[in-house]
PDB file of N, CA and C in Angstrom:
ATOM      1  N   MET A   1      32.193 -31.180  45.000  1.00  0.00           N
ATOM      2  CA  MET A   1      31.488 -31.905  44.016  1.00  0.00           C
ATOM      3  C   MET A   1      31.239 -31.183  42.799  1.00  0.00           C
ATOM      4  N   SER A   2      31.513 -31.705  41.699  1.00  0.00           N
ATOM      5  CA  SER A   2      31.278 -31.088  40.521  1.00  0.00           C
ATOM      6  C   SER A   2      29.904 -31.333  39.953  1.00  0.00           C
ATOM      7  N   GLY A   3      29.248 -30.393  39.382  1.00  0.00           N
ATOM      8  CA  GLY A   3      27.921 -30.557  38.799  1.00  0.00           C
ATOM      9  C   GLY A   3      26.926 -30.538  39.774  1.00  0.00           C
ATOM     10  N   SER A   4      27.200 -30.107  40.991  1.00  0.00           N
ATOM     11  CA  SER A   4      25.930 -29.862  41.949  1.00  0.00           C
ATOM     12  C   SER A   4      25.267 -28.480  41.648  1.00  0.00           C
ATOM     13  N   SER A   5      24.086 -28.544  41.920  1.00  0.00           N
ATOM     14  CA  SER A   5      23.276 -27.306  41.693  1.00  0.00           C
ATOM     15  C   SER A   5      23.440 -26.309  42.861  1.00  0.00           C
ATOM     16  N   GLN A   6      23.511 -25.021  42.580  1.00  0.00           N
ATOM     17  CA  GLN A   6      23.600 -24.044  43.564  1.00  0.00           C
ATOM     18  C   GLN A   6      22.294 -23.812  44.259  1.00  0.00           C
ATOM     19  N   PRO A   7      22.240 -23.573  45.499  1.00  0.00           N
ATOM     20  CA  PRO A   7      20.923 -23.346  46.205  1.00  0.00           C
ATOM     21  C   PRO A   7      20.328 -22.037  45.666  1.00  0.00           C
ATOM     22  N   LEU A   8      19.005 -21.959  45.623  1.00  0.00           N
ATOM     23  CA  LEU A   8      18.294 -20.733  45.176  1.00  0.00           C
ATOM     24  C   LEU A   8      18.347 -19.773  46.192  1.00  0.00           C
ATOM     25  N   PRO A   9      18.488 -18.465  46.009  1.00  0.00           N
ATOM     26  CA  PRO A   9      18.396 -17.383  46.936  1.00  0.00           C
ATOM     27  C   PRO A   9      17.137 -17.562  47.805  1.00  0.00           C
ATOM     28  N   SER A  10      17.314 -17.222  49.136  1.00  0.00           N
ATOM     29  CA  SER A  10      16.015 -17.313  49.872  1.00  0.00           C
ATOM     30  C   SER A  10      14.840 -16.504  49.461  1.00  0.00           C
ATOM     31  N   GLY A  11      13.709 -17.052  49.523  1.00  0.00           N
ATOM     32  CA  GLY A  11      12.385 -16.345  48.926  1.00  0.00           C
ATOM     33  C   GLY A  11      12.188 -16.636  47.647  1.00  0.00           C
ATOM     34  N   SER A  12      13.073 -17.394  46.856  1.00  0.00           N
ATOM     35  CA  SER A  12      12.883 -17.454  45.421  1.00  0.00           C
ATOM     36  C   SER A  12      12.742 -18.998  45.217  1.00  0.00           C
ATOM     37  N   SER A  13      11.775 -19.337  44.263  1.00  0.00           N
ATOM     38  CA  SER A  13      11.554 -20.687  43.875  1.00  0.00           C
ATOM     39  C   SER A  13      11.153 -20.656  42.346  1.00  0.00           C
ATOM     40  N   SER A  14      11.206 -21.850  41.720  1.00  0.00           N
ATOM     41  CA  SER A  14      10.906 -21.793  40.281  1.00  0.00           C
ATOM     42  C   SER A  14       9.345 -21.598  40.221  1.00  0.00           C
ATOM     43  N   GLY A  15       8.581 -21.921  41.185  1.00  0.00           N
ATOM     44  CA  GLY A  15       7.188 -21.614  41.156  1.00  0.00           C
ATOM     45  C   GLY A  15       6.877 -20.196  41.013  1.00  0.00           C
ATOM     46  N   SER A  16       7.605 -19.292  41.784  1.00  0.00           N
ATOM     47  CA  SER A  16       7.418 -17.838  41.749  1.00  0.00           C
ATOM     48  C   SER A  16       7.884 -17.282  40.588  1.00  0.00           C
ATOM     49  N   ARG A  17       8.952 -17.897  39.909  1.00  0.00           N
ATOM     50  CA  ARG A  17       9.487 -17.389  38.642  1.00  0.00           C
ATOM     51  C   ARG A  17       8.401 -17.545  37.683  1.00  0.00           C
ATOM     52  N   SER A  18       7.726 -18.677  37.548  1.00  0.00           N
ATOM     53  CA  SER A  18       6.792 -19.027  36.449  1.00  0.00           C
ATOM     54  C   SER A  18       5.447 -18.124  36.669  1.00  0.00           C
ATOM     55  N   ALA A  19       5.179 -17.781  38.048  1.00  0.00           N
ATOM     56  CA  ALA A  19       4.029 -16.994  38.286  1.00  0.00           C
ATOM     57  C   ALA A  19       4.305 -15.576  37.807  1.00  0.00           C
ATOM     58  N   GLY A  20       5.520 -15.103  38.018  1.00  0.00           N
ATOM     59  CA  GLY A  20       5.950 -13.820  37.558  1.00  0.00           C
ATOM     60  C   GLY A  20       5.990 -13.685  36.032  1.00  0.00           C
ATOM     61  N   LEU A  21       6.359 -14.842  35.377  1.00  0.00           N
ATOM     62  CA  LEU A  21       6.337 -14.847  33.860  1.00  0.00           C
ATOM     63  C   LEU A  21       4.909 -14.902  33.482  1.00  0.00           C
ATOM     64  N   GLY A  22       3.973 -15.632  34.107  1.00  0.00           N
ATOM     65  CA  GLY A  22       2.669 -15.680  33.779  1.00  0.00           C
ATOM     66  C   GLY A  22       1.962 -14.268  33.881  1.00  0.00           C
ATOM     67  N   ARG A  23       2.319 -13.425  34.865  1.00  0.00           N
ATOM     68  CA  ARG A  23       1.823 -12.047  35.043  1.00  0.00           C
ATOM     69  C   ARG A  23       2.292 -11.268  34.018  1.00  0.00           C
ATOM     70  N   LEU A  24       3.711 -11.376  33.557  1.00  0.00           N
ATOM     71  CA  LEU A  24       4.205 -10.619  32.431  1.00  0.00           C
ATOM     72  C   LEU A  24       3.459 -10.882  31.174  1.00  0.00           C
ATOM     73  N   ILE A  25       3.192 -12.107  30.908  1.00  0.00           N
ATOM     74  CA  ILE A  25       2.481 -12.544  29.561  1.00  0.00           C
ATOM     75  C   ILE A  25       1.138 -11.935  29.640  1.00  0.00           C
ATOM     76  N   LEU A  26       0.421 -11.991  30.808  1.00  0.00           N
ATOM     77  CA  LEU A  26      -0.994 -11.485  30.863  1.00  0.00           C
ATOM     78  C   LEU A  26      -0.974  -9.970  30.706  1.00  0.00           C
ATOM     79  N   LEU A  27       0.066  -9.321  31.312  1.00  0.00           N
ATOM     80  CA  LEU A  27       0.202  -7.783  31.184  1.00  0.00           C
ATOM     81  C   LEU A  27       0.397  -7.531  29.582  1.00  0.00           C
ATOM     82  N   ALA A  28       1.348  -8.222  29.021  1.00  0.00           N
ATOM     83  CA  ALA A  28       1.598  -7.904  27.563  1.00  0.00           C
ATOM     84  C   ALA A  28       0.439  -8.199  26.635  1.00  0.00           C
ATOM     85  N   THR A  29      -0.333  -9.328  26.999  1.00  0.00           N
ATOM     86  CA  THR A  29      -1.529  -9.688  26.124  1.00  0.00           C
ATOM     87  C   THR A  29      -2.614  -8.492  26.315  1.00  0.00           C
ATOM     88  N   SER A  30      -2.895  -8.184  27.606  1.00  0.00           N
ATOM     89  CA  SER A  30      -3.939  -7.175  27.850  1.00  0.00           C
ATOM     90  C   SER A  30      -3.560  -5.746  27.196  1.00  0.00           C
ATOM     91  N   SER A  31      -2.217  -5.461  27.265  1.00  0.00           N
ATOM     92  CA  SER A  31      -1.813  -4.151  26.668  1.00  0.00           C
ATOM     93  C   SER A  31      -2.027  -4.280  25.110  1.00  0.00           C
ATOM     94  N   SER A  32      -1.676  -5.387  24.482  1.00  0.00           N
ATOM     95  CA  SER A  32      -1.859  -5.469  23.160  1.00  0.00           C
ATOM     96  C   SER A  32      -3.336  -5.447  22.701  1.00  0.00           C
ATOM     97  N   VAL A  33      -4.213  -5.943  23.426  1.00  0.00           N
ATOM     98  CA  VAL A  33      -5.704  -5.974  23.160  1.00  0.00           C
ATOM     99  C   VAL A  33      -6.139  -4.447  23.363  1.00  0.00           C
ATOM    100  N   ALA A  34      -5.650  -3.734  24.291  1.00  0.00           N
ATOM    101  CA  ALA A  34      -6.072  -2.335  24.572  1.00  0.00           C
ATOM    102  C   ALA A  34      -5.725  -1.454  23.333  1.00  0.00           C
ATOM    103  N   VAL A  35      -4.612  -1.735  22.765  1.00  0.00           N
ATOM    104  CA  VAL A  35      -3.954  -0.845  21.705  1.00  0.00           C
ATOM    105  C   VAL A  35      -4.543  -1.236  20.350  1.00  0.00           C
ATOM    106  N   LEU A  36      -4.975  -2.496  20.164  1.00  0.00           N
ATOM    107  CA  LEU A  36      -5.445  -3.068  18.935  1.00  0.00           C
ATOM    108  C   LEU A  36      -6.391  -2.156  18.142  1.00  0.00           C
ATOM    109  N   PRO A  37      -7.437  -1.711  18.817  1.00  0.00           N
ATOM    110  CA  PRO A  37      -8.517  -0.771  17.980  1.00  0.00           C
ATOM    111  C   PRO A  37      -7.807   0.442  17.356  1.00  0.00           C
ATOM    112  N   CYS A  38      -6.826   1.020  18.038  1.00  0.00           N
ATOM    113  CA  CYS A  38      -6.153   2.168  17.401  1.00  0.00           C
ATOM    114  C   CYS A  38      -5.212   1.829  16.352  1.00  0.00           C
ATOM    115  N   ALA A  39      -4.516   0.692  16.612  1.00  0.00           N
ATOM    116  CA  ALA A  39      -3.543   0.188  15.511  1.00  0.00           C
ATOM    117  C   ALA A  39      -4.228  -0.267  14.341  1.00  0.00           C
ATOM    118  N   SER A  40      -5.548  -0.561  14.348  1.00  0.00           N
ATOM    119  CA  SER A  40      -6.196  -1.054  13.172  1.00  0.00           C
ATOM    120  C   SER A  40      -7.067   0.073  12.451  1.00  0.00           C
ATOM    121  N   GLY A  41      -6.709   1.376  12.717  1.00  0.00           N
ATOM    122  CA  GLY A  41      -7.263   2.410  12.147  1.00  0.00           C
ATOM    123  C   GLY A  41      -8.515   2.864  12.749  1.00  0.00           C
ATOM    124  N   CYS A  42      -8.478   3.490  13.936  1.00  0.00           N
ATOM    125  CA  CYS A  42      -9.617   3.908  14.747  1.00  0.00           C
ATOM    126  C   CYS A  42     -10.693   4.506  13.816  1.00  0.00           C
ATOM    127  N   THR A  43     -11.964   3.979  14.002  1.00  0.00           N
ATOM    128  CA  THR A  43     -12.990   4.517  13.188  1.00  0.00           C
ATOM    129  C   THR A  43     -13.839   5.411  14.041  1.00  0.00           C
ATOM    130  N   ARG A  44     -14.668   6.245  13.338  1.00  0.00           N
ATOM    131  CA  ARG A  44     -15.505   7.243  14.107  1.00  0.00           C
ATOM    132  C   ARG A  44     -17.013   6.897  13.563  1.00  0.00           C
ATOM    133  N   THR A  45     -17.787   6.789  14.499  1.00  0.00           N
ATOM    134  CA  THR A  45     -19.295   6.607  14.212  1.00  0.00           C
ATOM    135  C   THR A  45     -19.929   7.865  14.342  1.00  0.00           C
ATOM    136  N   VAL A  46     -20.850   8.208  13.333  1.00  0.00           N
ATOM    137  CA  VAL A  46     -21.614   9.437  13.360  1.00  0.00           C
ATOM    138  C   VAL A  46     -22.923   9.051  13.201  1.00  0.00           C
ATOM    139  N   LEU A  47     -23.879   9.587  14.081  1.00  0.00           N
ATOM    140  CA  LEU A  47     -25.338   9.274  14.015  1.00  0.00           C
ATOM    141  C   LEU A  47     -25.901  10.244  12.974  1.00  0.00           C
ATOM    142  N   VAL A  48     -26.621   9.631  12.048  1.00  0.00           N
ATOM    143  CA  VAL A  48     -27.300  10.361  10.992  1.00  0.00           C
ATOM    144  C   VAL A  48     -28.637  10.460  11.382  1.00  0.00           C
ATOM    145  N   PRO A  49     -29.323  11.570  11.704  1.00  0.00           N
ATOM    146  CA  PRO A  49     -30.727  11.662  11.986  1.00  0.00           C
ATOM    147  C   PRO A  49     -31.688  11.278  10.952  1.00  0.00           C
ATOM    148  N   GLU A  50     -32.870  10.950  11.299  1.00  0.00           N
ATOM    149  CA  GLU A  50     -34.027  10.521  10.291  1.00  0.00           C
ATOM    150  C   GLU A  50     -34.180  11.538   9.297  1.00  0.00           C
ATOM    151  N   SER A  51     -34.052  12.703   9.585  1.00  0.00           N
ATOM    152  CA  SER A  51     -34.403  13.800   8.652  1.00  0.00           C
ATOM    153  C   SER A  51     -33.163  14.073   7.632  1.00  0.00           C
ATOM    154  N   SER A  52     -32.183  13.448   7.723  1.00  0.00           N
ATOM    155  CA  SER A  52     -31.022  13.745   6.895  1.00  0.00           C
ATOM    156  C   SER A  52     -30.626  12.642   5.943  1.00  0.00           C
ATOM    157  N   PRO A  53     -30.885  12.679   4.614  1.00  0.00           N
ATOM    158  CA  PRO A  53     -30.233  11.774   3.633  1.00  0.00           C
ATOM    159  C   PRO A  53     -28.840  11.714   3.700  1.00  0.00           C
ATOM    160  N   VAL A  54     -28.084  10.759   3.270  1.00  0.00           N
ATOM    161  CA  VAL A  54     -26.662  10.755   3.085  1.00  0.00           C
ATOM    162  C   VAL A  54     -26.366  10.222   1.673  1.00  0.00           C
ATOM    163  N   ARG A  55     -25.186  10.729   1.230  1.00  0.00           N
ATOM    164  CA  ARG A  55     -24.655  10.335  -0.086  1.00  0.00           C
ATOM    165  C   ARG A  55     -23.586   9.266   0.020  1.00  0.00           C
ATOM    166  N   ILE A  56     -23.562   8.352  -0.997  1.00  0.00           N
ATOM    167  CA  ILE A  56     -22.661   7.363  -1.008  1.00  0.00           C
ATOM    168  C   ILE A  56     -21.348   7.717  -1.451  1.00  0.00           C
ATOM    169  N   GLY A  57     -20.344   7.213  -0.774  1.00  0.00           N
ATOM    170  CA  GLY A  57     -18.871   7.574  -1.015  1.00  0.00           C
ATOM    171  C   GLY A  57     -18.367   6.669  -2.114  1.00  0.00           C
ATOM    172  N   PRO A  58     -17.039   6.735  -2.394  1.00  0.00           N
ATOM    173  CA  PRO A  58     -16.437   5.932  -3.422  1.00  0.00           C
ATOM    174  C   PRO A  58     -16.300   4.442  -2.903  1.00  0.00           C
ATOM    175  N   ASN A  59     -16.305   3.548  -3.874  1.00  0.00           N
ATOM    176  CA  ASN A  59     -16.058   2.140  -3.691  1.00  0.00           C
ATOM    177  C   ASN A  59     -16.992   1.486  -2.643  1.00  0.00           C
ATOM    178  N   ALA A  60     -18.240   1.910  -2.580  1.00  0.00           N
ATOM    179  CA  ALA A  60     -19.258   1.380  -1.575  1.00  0.00           C
ATOM    180  C   ALA A  60     -19.916   0.060  -2.159  1.00  0.00           C
ATOM    181  N   ARG A  61     -19.994  -0.908  -1.237  1.00  0.00           N
ATOM    182  CA  ARG A  61     -20.628  -2.078  -1.609  1.00  0.00           C
ATOM    183  C   ARG A  61     -21.444  -2.443  -0.438  1.00  0.00           C
ATOM    184  N   ALA A  62     -22.654  -3.124  -0.731  1.00  0.00           N
ATOM    185  CA  ALA A  62     -23.520  -3.508   0.390  1.00  0.00           C
ATOM    186  C   ALA A  62     -24.688  -4.444  -0.170  1.00  0.00           C
ATOM    187  N   ARG A  63     -25.251  -5.181   0.723  1.00  0.00           N
ATOM    188  CA  ARG A  63     -26.431  -5.952   0.505  1.00  0.00           C
ATOM    189  C   ARG A  63     -27.555  -4.851   0.435  1.00  0.00           C
ATOM    190  N   VAL A  64     -28.447  -4.960  -0.510  1.00  0.00           N
ATOM    191  CA  VAL A  64     -29.526  -3.955  -0.441  1.00  0.00           C
ATOM    192  C   VAL A  64     -30.882  -4.509  -0.557  1.00  0.00           C
ATOM    193  N   TYR A  65     -32.026  -3.779  -0.264  1.00  0.00           N
ATOM    194  CA  TYR A  65     -33.377  -4.262  -0.342  1.00  0.00           C
ATOM    195  C   TYR A  65     -33.973  -3.778  -1.534  1.00  0.00           C
ATOM    196  N   ALA A  66     -34.807  -4.644  -2.090  1.00  0.00           N
ATOM    197  CA  ALA A  66     -35.636  -4.278  -3.327  1.00  0.00           C
ATOM    198  C   ALA A  66     -37.082  -4.459  -3.008  1.00  0.00           C
ATOM    199  N   LEU A  67     -38.022  -3.698  -3.538  1.00  0.00           N
ATOM    200  CA  LEU A  67     -39.353  -3.835  -3.305  1.00  0.00           C
ATOM    201  C   LEU A  67     -39.959  -4.852  -4.339  1.00  0.00           C
ATOM    202  N   VAL A  68     -40.188  -5.984  -3.919  1.00  0.00           N
ATOM    203  CA  VAL A  68     -40.765  -7.052  -4.796  1.00  0.00           C
ATOM    204  C   VAL A  68     -42.119  -7.477  -4.492  1.00  0.00           C
ATOM    205  N   GLY A  69     -43.052  -7.160  -5.274  1.00  0.00           N
ATOM    206  CA  GLY A  69     -44.415  -7.538  -5.014  1.00  0.00           C
ATOM    207  C   GLY A  69     -44.968  -6.757  -3.727  1.00  0.00           C
ATOM    208  N   GLY A  70     -44.693  -5.660  -3.507  1.00  0.00           N
ATOM    209  CA  GLY A  70     -45.067  -5.007  -2.304  1.00  0.00           C
ATOM    210  C   GLY A  70     -44.273  -5.251  -0.949  1.00  0.00           C
ATOM    211  N   GLU A  71     -43.299  -6.168  -1.093  1.00  0.00           N
ATOM    212  CA  GLU A  71     -42.565  -6.562   0.122  1.00  0.00           C
ATOM    213  C   GLU A  71     -41.131  -6.261  -0.146  1.00  0.00           C
ATOM    214  N   TRP A  72     -40.364  -5.767   0.904  1.00  0.00           N
ATOM    215  CA  TRP A  72     -39.023  -5.511   0.853  1.00  0.00           C
ATOM    216  C   TRP A  72     -38.179  -6.751   1.087  1.00  0.00           C
ATOM    217  N   VAL A  73     -37.406  -7.139   0.028  1.00  0.00           N
ATOM    218  CA  VAL A  73     -36.640  -8.321   0.016  1.00  0.00           C
ATOM    219  C   VAL A  73     -35.124  -8.014  -0.031  1.00  0.00           C
ATOM    220  N   VAL A  74     -34.175  -8.484   0.916  1.00  0.00           N
ATOM    221  CA  VAL A  74     -32.814  -8.275   0.891  1.00  0.00           C
ATOM    222  C   VAL A  74     -32.052  -9.034  -0.191  1.00  0.00           C
ATOM    223  N   SER A  75     -31.026  -8.532  -0.871  1.00  0.00           N
ATOM    224  CA  SER A  75     -30.332  -9.153  -1.868  1.00  0.00           C
ATOM    225  C   SER A  75     -29.534 -10.343  -1.234  1.00  0.00           C
ATOM    226  N   ASP A  76     -29.196 -11.303  -2.016  1.00  0.00           N
ATOM    227  CA  ASP A  76     -28.363 -12.301  -1.517  1.00  0.00           C
ATOM    228  C   ASP A  76     -26.783 -11.841  -1.599  1.00  0.00           C
ATOM    229  N   ASN A  77     -26.595 -11.190  -2.638  1.00  0.00           N
ATOM    230  CA  ASN A  77     -25.021 -10.767  -2.818  1.00  0.00           C
ATOM    231  C   ASN A  77     -25.006  -9.229  -2.558  1.00  0.00           C
ATOM    232  N   THR A  78     -23.639  -8.862  -2.360  1.00  0.00           N
ATOM    233  CA  THR A  78     -23.445  -7.513  -2.203  1.00  0.00           C
ATOM    234  C   THR A  78     -23.371  -6.804  -3.622  1.00  0.00           C
ATOM    235  N   VAL A  79     -23.678  -5.623  -3.740  1.00  0.00           N
ATOM    236  CA  VAL A  79     -23.747  -4.932  -5.015  1.00  0.00           C
ATOM    237  C   VAL A  79     -22.832  -3.623  -4.853  1.00  0.00           C
ATOM    238  N   ALA A  80     -22.198  -3.238  -6.029  1.00  0.00           N
ATOM    239  CA  ALA A  80     -21.530  -2.009  -5.961  1.00  0.00           C
ATOM    240  C   ALA A  80     -22.548  -0.756  -6.046  1.00  0.00           C
ATOM    241  N   LEU A  81     -22.374   0.164  -5.163  1.00  0.00           N
ATOM    242  CA  LEU A  81     -23.327   1.253  -5.098  1.00  0.00           C
ATOM    243  C   LEU A  81     -22.568   2.496  -5.893  1.00  0.00           C
ATOM    244  N   GLU A  82     -23.204   3.213  -6.584  1.00  0.00           N
ATOM    245  CA  GLU A  82     -22.719   4.348  -7.358  1.00  0.00           C
ATOM    246  C   GLU A  82     -22.263   5.508  -6.480  1.00  0.00           C
ATOM    247  N   GLU A  83     -21.161   5.975  -6.463  1.00  0.00           N
ATOM    248  CA  GLU A  83     -20.681   7.236  -5.802  1.00  0.00           C
ATOM    249  C   GLU A  83     -21.679   8.385  -6.171  1.00  0.00           C
ATOM    250  N   GLY A  84     -22.062   9.045  -5.136  1.00  0.00           N
ATOM    251  CA  GLY A  84     -22.948  10.175  -5.272  1.00  0.00           C
ATOM    252  C   GLY A  84     -24.416   9.816  -5.023  1.00  0.00           C
ATOM    253  N   TRP A  85     -24.782   8.711  -5.275  1.00  0.00           N
ATOM    254  CA  TRP A  85     -26.214   8.436  -5.083  1.00  0.00           C
ATOM    255  C   TRP A  85     -26.573   8.778  -3.558  1.00  0.00           C
ATOM    256  N   TYR A  86     -27.882   8.946  -3.319  1.00  0.00           N
ATOM    257  CA  TYR A  86     -28.264   9.309  -2.024  1.00  0.00           C
ATOM    258  C   TYR A  86     -29.024   8.199  -1.379  1.00  0.00           C
ATOM    259  N   LEU A  87     -28.849   7.931  -0.002  1.00  0.00           N
ATOM    260  CA  LEU A  87     -29.511   6.932   0.740  1.00  0.00           C
ATOM    261  C   LEU A  87     -30.492   7.846   1.626  1.00  0.00           C
ATOM    262  N   VAL A  88     -31.702   7.351   1.634  1.00  0.00           N
ATOM    263  CA  VAL A  88     -32.850   8.133   2.367  1.00  0.00           C
ATOM    264  C   VAL A  88     -33.450   7.135   3.409  1.00  0.00           C
ATOM    265  N   PRO A  89     -33.904   7.737   4.443  1.00  0.00           N
ATOM    266  CA  PRO A  89     -34.532   6.914   5.490  1.00  0.00           C
ATOM    267  C   PRO A  89     -36.016   6.444   4.875  1.00  0.00           C
ATOM    268  N   PRO A  90     -36.541   5.249   5.461  1.00  0.00           N
ATOM    269  CA  PRO A  90     -37.613   4.696   4.924  1.00  0.00           C
ATOM    270  C   PRO A  90     -38.843   5.704   4.894  1.00  0.00           C
ATOM    271  N   SER A  91     -38.910   6.726   5.802  1.00  0.00           N
ATOM    272  CA  SER A  91     -40.041   7.660   5.656  1.00  0.00           C
ATOM    273  C   SER A  91     -40.015   8.420   4.365  1.00  0.00           C
ATOM    274  N   TYR A  92     -38.947   8.438   3.626  1.00  0.00           N
ATOM    275  CA  TYR A  92     -38.970   9.305   2.419  1.00  0.00           C
ATOM    276  C   TYR A  92     -39.499   8.481   1.288  1.00  0.00           C
ATOM    277  N   VAL A  93     -39.647   7.155   1.382  1.00  0.00           N
ATOM    278  CA  VAL A  93     -40.170   6.211   0.265  1.00  0.00           C
ATOM    279  C   VAL A  93     -41.565   6.101   0.351  1.00  0.00           C
ATOM    280  N   GLU A  94     -42.178   6.334  -0.862  1.00  0.00           N
ATOM    281  CA  GLU A  94     -43.725   6.035  -1.034  1.00  0.00           C
ATOM    282  C   GLU A  94     -43.859   4.673  -1.232  1.00  0.00           C
ATOM    283  N   ARG A  95     -44.959   4.134  -0.665  1.00  0.00           N
ATOM    284  CA  ARG A  95     -45.402   2.654  -0.832  1.00  0.00           C
ATOM    285  C   ARG A  95     -46.564   2.557  -1.702  1.00  0.00           C
TER     286      ARG A  95
END
């Protein structure tokens, strides 16, 4: 007979093939997620102690607080911060 399908080898079925493909996709996805932080330029976090002011680097932008009528109010927009300015902890500021 022409056009007849060949029997699958014993122990094989289309269901096990799709399960194997599903595991392969899961492995590829989880591997991608594990590598993503390093691929996006691994960052380093450094703890700055209370007793240490820091200087602002180039091209810094942030929302800032301003003392308005004796109360600290956060800005609605981000502002450009001048390179070389110092950031100090709240304990350095007189009220």
